[in-house]
Amino acid sequence: MRSQLNNTVLVFKTSVENKEEISRLQPILNTVMTKNDFWNFDLEDCDNILRIETNHLKPESVLGLLGMHGFYCEELR
C-alpha cells in the first residue's frame, strides 16, 4: 500500500498511445520516483492521461522528461 501523506496529484494530457510506449517510459519514470510516488496512464481517456502522485516532483520536470523522449505532455489543472 502506498502512502498518500503530503502527496500532490499531477495530471497530464499526453501523446502516449499504447502499452508498448508505456513499457518504454516505465524505467524512465521509475528513475525519478521515490518509494512513496505512484504513476499510471489512462489510455481509455481521450487525453491519454498520465497521473502521478508525488511529494517531490514538479510538473516542469515531468514535461521535460516526456518531451526529451519524444512525447507530447501538457499539465491539466
N, C-alpha and C. Protein backbone atom coordinates (compact mmCIF):
# COMPACT_ATOMS: atom_id res chain seq x y z
N MET A 1 0.84 -1.18 0.00
CA MET A 1 0.00 0.00 0.00
C MET A 1 0.88 1.25 0.00
N ARG A 2 0.54 2.21 -0.83
CA ARG A 2 1.35 3.42 -0.91
C ARG A 2 0.84 4.48 0.06
N SER A 3 1.76 5.24 0.60
CA SER A 3 1.43 6.32 1.50
C SER A 3 1.02 7.54 0.69
N GLN A 4 -0.06 8.19 1.07
CA GLN A 4 -0.50 9.37 0.34
C GLN A 4 -0.34 10.63 1.17
N LEU A 5 0.37 10.55 2.28
CA LEU A 5 0.59 11.72 3.11
C LEU A 5 1.38 12.76 2.34
N ASN A 6 0.87 13.97 2.30
CA ASN A 6 1.54 15.10 1.66
C ASN A 6 1.78 14.91 0.16
N ASN A 7 1.16 13.94 -0.46
CA ASN A 7 1.35 13.76 -1.90
C ASN A 7 0.50 14.75 -2.68
N THR A 8 1.06 15.21 -3.77
CA THR A 8 0.36 16.05 -4.73
C THR A 8 0.00 15.16 -5.90
N VAL A 9 -1.16 15.38 -6.49
CA VAL A 9 -1.55 14.64 -7.68
C VAL A 9 -1.33 15.54 -8.89
N LEU A 10 -0.48 15.09 -9.80
CA LEU A 10 -0.21 15.80 -11.05
C LEU A 10 -0.92 15.05 -12.17
N VAL A 11 -1.58 15.78 -13.05
CA VAL A 11 -2.33 15.15 -14.14
C VAL A 11 -1.89 15.80 -15.45
N PHE A 12 -1.58 14.93 -16.43
CA PHE A 12 -1.07 15.41 -17.71
C PHE A 12 -1.81 14.76 -18.87
N LYS A 13 -2.06 15.55 -19.90
CA LYS A 13 -2.51 15.06 -21.20
C LYS A 13 -1.25 14.66 -21.94
N THR A 14 -1.24 13.49 -22.58
CA THR A 14 -0.02 13.03 -23.26
C THR A 14 -0.32 12.48 -24.66
N SER A 15 0.74 12.24 -25.39
CA SER A 15 0.62 11.59 -26.71
C SER A 15 0.94 10.10 -26.62
N VAL A 16 1.08 9.57 -25.42
CA VAL A 16 1.33 8.13 -25.24
C VAL A 16 0.07 7.39 -25.65
N GLU A 17 0.21 6.41 -26.57
CA GLU A 17 -0.97 5.79 -27.15
C GLU A 17 -1.14 4.31 -26.87
N ASN A 18 -0.10 3.63 -26.39
CA ASN A 18 -0.26 2.19 -26.23
C ASN A 18 0.65 1.65 -25.12
N LYS A 19 0.44 0.37 -24.81
CA LYS A 19 1.19 -0.26 -23.72
C LYS A 19 2.68 -0.37 -24.03
N GLU A 20 3.04 -0.48 -25.30
CA GLU A 20 4.45 -0.56 -25.67
C GLU A 20 5.17 0.74 -25.32
N GLU A 21 4.50 1.86 -25.59
CA GLU A 21 5.10 3.15 -25.24
C GLU A 21 5.20 3.32 -23.73
N ILE A 22 4.20 2.84 -23.01
CA ILE A 22 4.26 2.88 -21.54
C ILE A 22 5.43 2.03 -21.06
N SER A 23 5.63 0.88 -21.64
CA SER A 23 6.75 0.00 -21.27
C SER A 23 8.09 0.68 -21.50
N ARG A 24 8.18 1.46 -22.58
CA ARG A 24 9.42 2.21 -22.85
C ARG A 24 9.64 3.30 -21.81
N LEU A 25 8.55 3.92 -21.36
CA LEU A 25 8.65 5.02 -20.39
C LEU A 25 8.79 4.53 -18.94
N GLN A 26 8.39 3.31 -18.68
CA GLN A 26 8.40 2.81 -17.30
C GLN A 26 9.74 2.97 -16.59
N PRO A 27 10.85 2.49 -17.15
CA PRO A 27 12.12 2.66 -16.43
C PRO A 27 12.53 4.12 -16.29
N ILE A 28 12.14 4.94 -17.25
CA ILE A 28 12.48 6.36 -17.20
C ILE A 28 11.71 7.05 -16.07
N LEU A 29 10.41 6.79 -16.01
CA LEU A 29 9.60 7.38 -14.94
C LEU A 29 10.02 6.85 -13.58
N ASN A 30 10.33 5.57 -13.51
CA ASN A 30 10.70 4.98 -12.23
C ASN A 30 12.01 5.57 -11.67
N THR A 31 12.88 6.05 -12.54
CA THR A 31 14.15 6.61 -12.05
C THR A 31 13.95 7.93 -11.30
N VAL A 32 12.86 8.64 -11.56
CA VAL A 32 12.63 9.93 -10.89
C VAL A 32 11.64 9.81 -9.73
N MET A 33 11.15 8.61 -9.50
CA MET A 33 10.17 8.39 -8.43
C MET A 33 10.85 7.97 -7.14
N THR A 34 10.21 8.32 -6.03
CA THR A 34 10.64 7.79 -4.73
C THR A 34 9.72 6.63 -4.39
N LYS A 35 10.01 5.96 -3.28
CA LYS A 35 9.21 4.77 -2.93
C LYS A 35 7.76 5.10 -2.64
N ASN A 36 7.45 6.35 -2.29
CA ASN A 36 6.07 6.73 -1.99
C ASN A 36 5.35 7.33 -3.18
N ASP A 37 6.03 7.46 -4.32
CA ASP A 37 5.40 8.01 -5.52
C ASP A 37 4.69 6.90 -6.29
N PHE A 38 3.71 7.31 -7.08
CA PHE A 38 2.94 6.36 -7.87
C PHE A 38 2.56 7.05 -9.18
N TRP A 39 2.61 6.31 -10.27
CA TRP A 39 2.18 6.86 -11.56
C TRP A 39 1.38 5.82 -12.32
N ASN A 40 0.49 6.28 -13.21
CA ASN A 40 -0.20 5.39 -14.12
C ASN A 40 -0.75 6.18 -15.31
N PHE A 41 -0.99 5.47 -16.39
CA PHE A 41 -1.59 6.06 -17.59
C PHE A 41 -3.01 5.55 -17.72
N ASP A 42 -3.89 6.41 -18.20
CA ASP A 42 -5.25 6.02 -18.54
C ASP A 42 -5.41 6.21 -20.03
N LEU A 43 -5.17 5.14 -20.79
CA LEU A 43 -5.25 5.21 -22.25
C LEU A 43 -6.69 5.15 -22.74
N GLU A 44 -7.62 4.86 -21.85
CA GLU A 44 -9.04 4.84 -22.23
C GLU A 44 -9.59 6.26 -22.29
N ASP A 45 -8.93 7.19 -21.63
CA ASP A 45 -9.32 8.59 -21.67
C ASP A 45 -8.85 9.19 -23.00
N CYS A 46 -9.63 10.08 -23.58
CA CYS A 46 -9.27 10.66 -24.88
C CYS A 46 -7.98 11.47 -24.83
N ASP A 47 -7.55 11.88 -23.64
CA ASP A 47 -6.33 12.66 -23.49
C ASP A 47 -5.13 11.81 -23.07
N ASN A 48 -5.28 10.49 -23.03
CA ASN A 48 -4.18 9.58 -22.65
C ASN A 48 -3.48 10.10 -21.39
N ILE A 49 -4.23 10.15 -20.33
CA ILE A 49 -3.82 10.80 -19.08
C ILE A 49 -2.68 10.07 -18.38
N LEU A 50 -1.70 10.85 -17.94
CA LEU A 50 -0.67 10.39 -17.02
C LEU A 50 -0.99 11.02 -15.68
N ARG A 51 -1.15 10.20 -14.66
CA ARG A 51 -1.45 10.67 -13.31
C ARG A 51 -0.29 10.27 -12.41
N ILE A 52 0.24 11.24 -11.68
CA ILE A 52 1.37 10.99 -10.80
C ILE A 52 1.03 11.49 -9.40
N GLU A 53 1.20 10.61 -8.41
CA GLU A 53 1.09 11.01 -7.01
C GLU A 53 2.52 11.11 -6.49
N THR A 54 2.90 12.29 -6.03
CA THR A 54 4.28 12.53 -5.64
C THR A 54 4.36 13.55 -4.51
N ASN A 55 5.44 13.51 -3.78
CA ASN A 55 5.67 14.55 -2.78
C ASN A 55 6.89 15.39 -3.13
N HIS A 56 7.46 15.18 -4.33
CA HIS A 56 8.65 15.95 -4.67
C HIS A 56 8.76 16.39 -6.13
N LEU A 57 8.11 15.70 -7.06
CA LEU A 57 8.24 16.07 -8.47
C LEU A 57 7.46 17.34 -8.79
N LYS A 58 8.03 18.13 -9.67
CA LYS A 58 7.38 19.34 -10.17
C LYS A 58 6.86 19.06 -11.58
N PRO A 59 5.76 19.69 -11.96
CA PRO A 59 5.21 19.47 -13.31
C PRO A 59 6.23 19.71 -14.41
N GLU A 60 7.08 20.72 -14.24
CA GLU A 60 8.07 21.04 -15.27
C GLU A 60 9.03 19.89 -15.51
N SER A 61 9.35 19.16 -14.45
CA SER A 61 10.25 18.01 -14.58
C SER A 61 9.62 16.92 -15.42
N VAL A 62 8.34 16.67 -15.21
CA VAL A 62 7.63 15.63 -15.96
C VAL A 62 7.50 16.05 -17.42
N LEU A 63 7.15 17.31 -17.65
CA LEU A 63 7.03 17.82 -19.03
C LEU A 63 8.34 17.65 -19.78
N GLY A 64 9.44 18.01 -19.13
CA GLY A 64 10.75 17.89 -19.76
C GLY A 64 11.14 16.45 -20.00
N LEU A 65 10.86 15.59 -19.05
CA LEU A 65 11.23 14.18 -19.16
C LEU A 65 10.51 13.51 -20.33
N LEU A 66 9.20 13.69 -20.42
CA LEU A 66 8.47 13.08 -21.52
C LEU A 66 8.85 13.72 -22.85
N GLY A 67 9.02 15.05 -22.85
CA GLY A 67 9.41 15.74 -24.07
C GLY A 67 10.76 15.27 -24.59
N MET A 68 11.69 15.03 -23.67
CA MET A 68 13.03 14.57 -24.04
C MET A 68 12.97 13.19 -24.73
N HIS A 69 11.93 12.44 -24.44
CA HIS A 69 11.78 11.11 -25.04
C HIS A 69 10.75 11.08 -26.17
N GLY A 70 10.40 12.27 -26.67
CA GLY A 70 9.60 12.36 -27.88
C GLY A 70 8.09 12.35 -27.68
N PHE A 71 7.62 12.57 -26.46
CA PHE A 71 6.18 12.55 -26.21
C PHE A 71 5.67 13.94 -25.87
N TYR A 72 4.49 14.24 -26.38
CA TYR A 72 3.79 15.47 -26.01
C TYR A 72 3.25 15.29 -24.60
N CYS A 73 3.32 16.34 -23.81
CA CYS A 73 2.84 16.29 -22.44
C CYS A 73 2.39 17.69 -22.05
N GLU A 74 1.18 17.80 -21.51
CA GLU A 74 0.63 19.09 -21.10
C GLU A 74 -0.04 18.91 -19.74
N GLU A 75 0.31 19.75 -18.79
CA GLU A 75 -0.30 19.65 -17.46
C GLU A 75 -1.76 20.09 -17.54
N LEU A 76 -2.63 19.31 -16.92
CA LEU A 76 -4.03 19.68 -16.79
C LEU A 76 -4.26 20.14 -15.36
N ARG A 77 -4.94 21.24 -15.22
CA ARG A 77 -5.18 21.80 -13.87
C ARG A 77 -6.61 21.75 -13.49
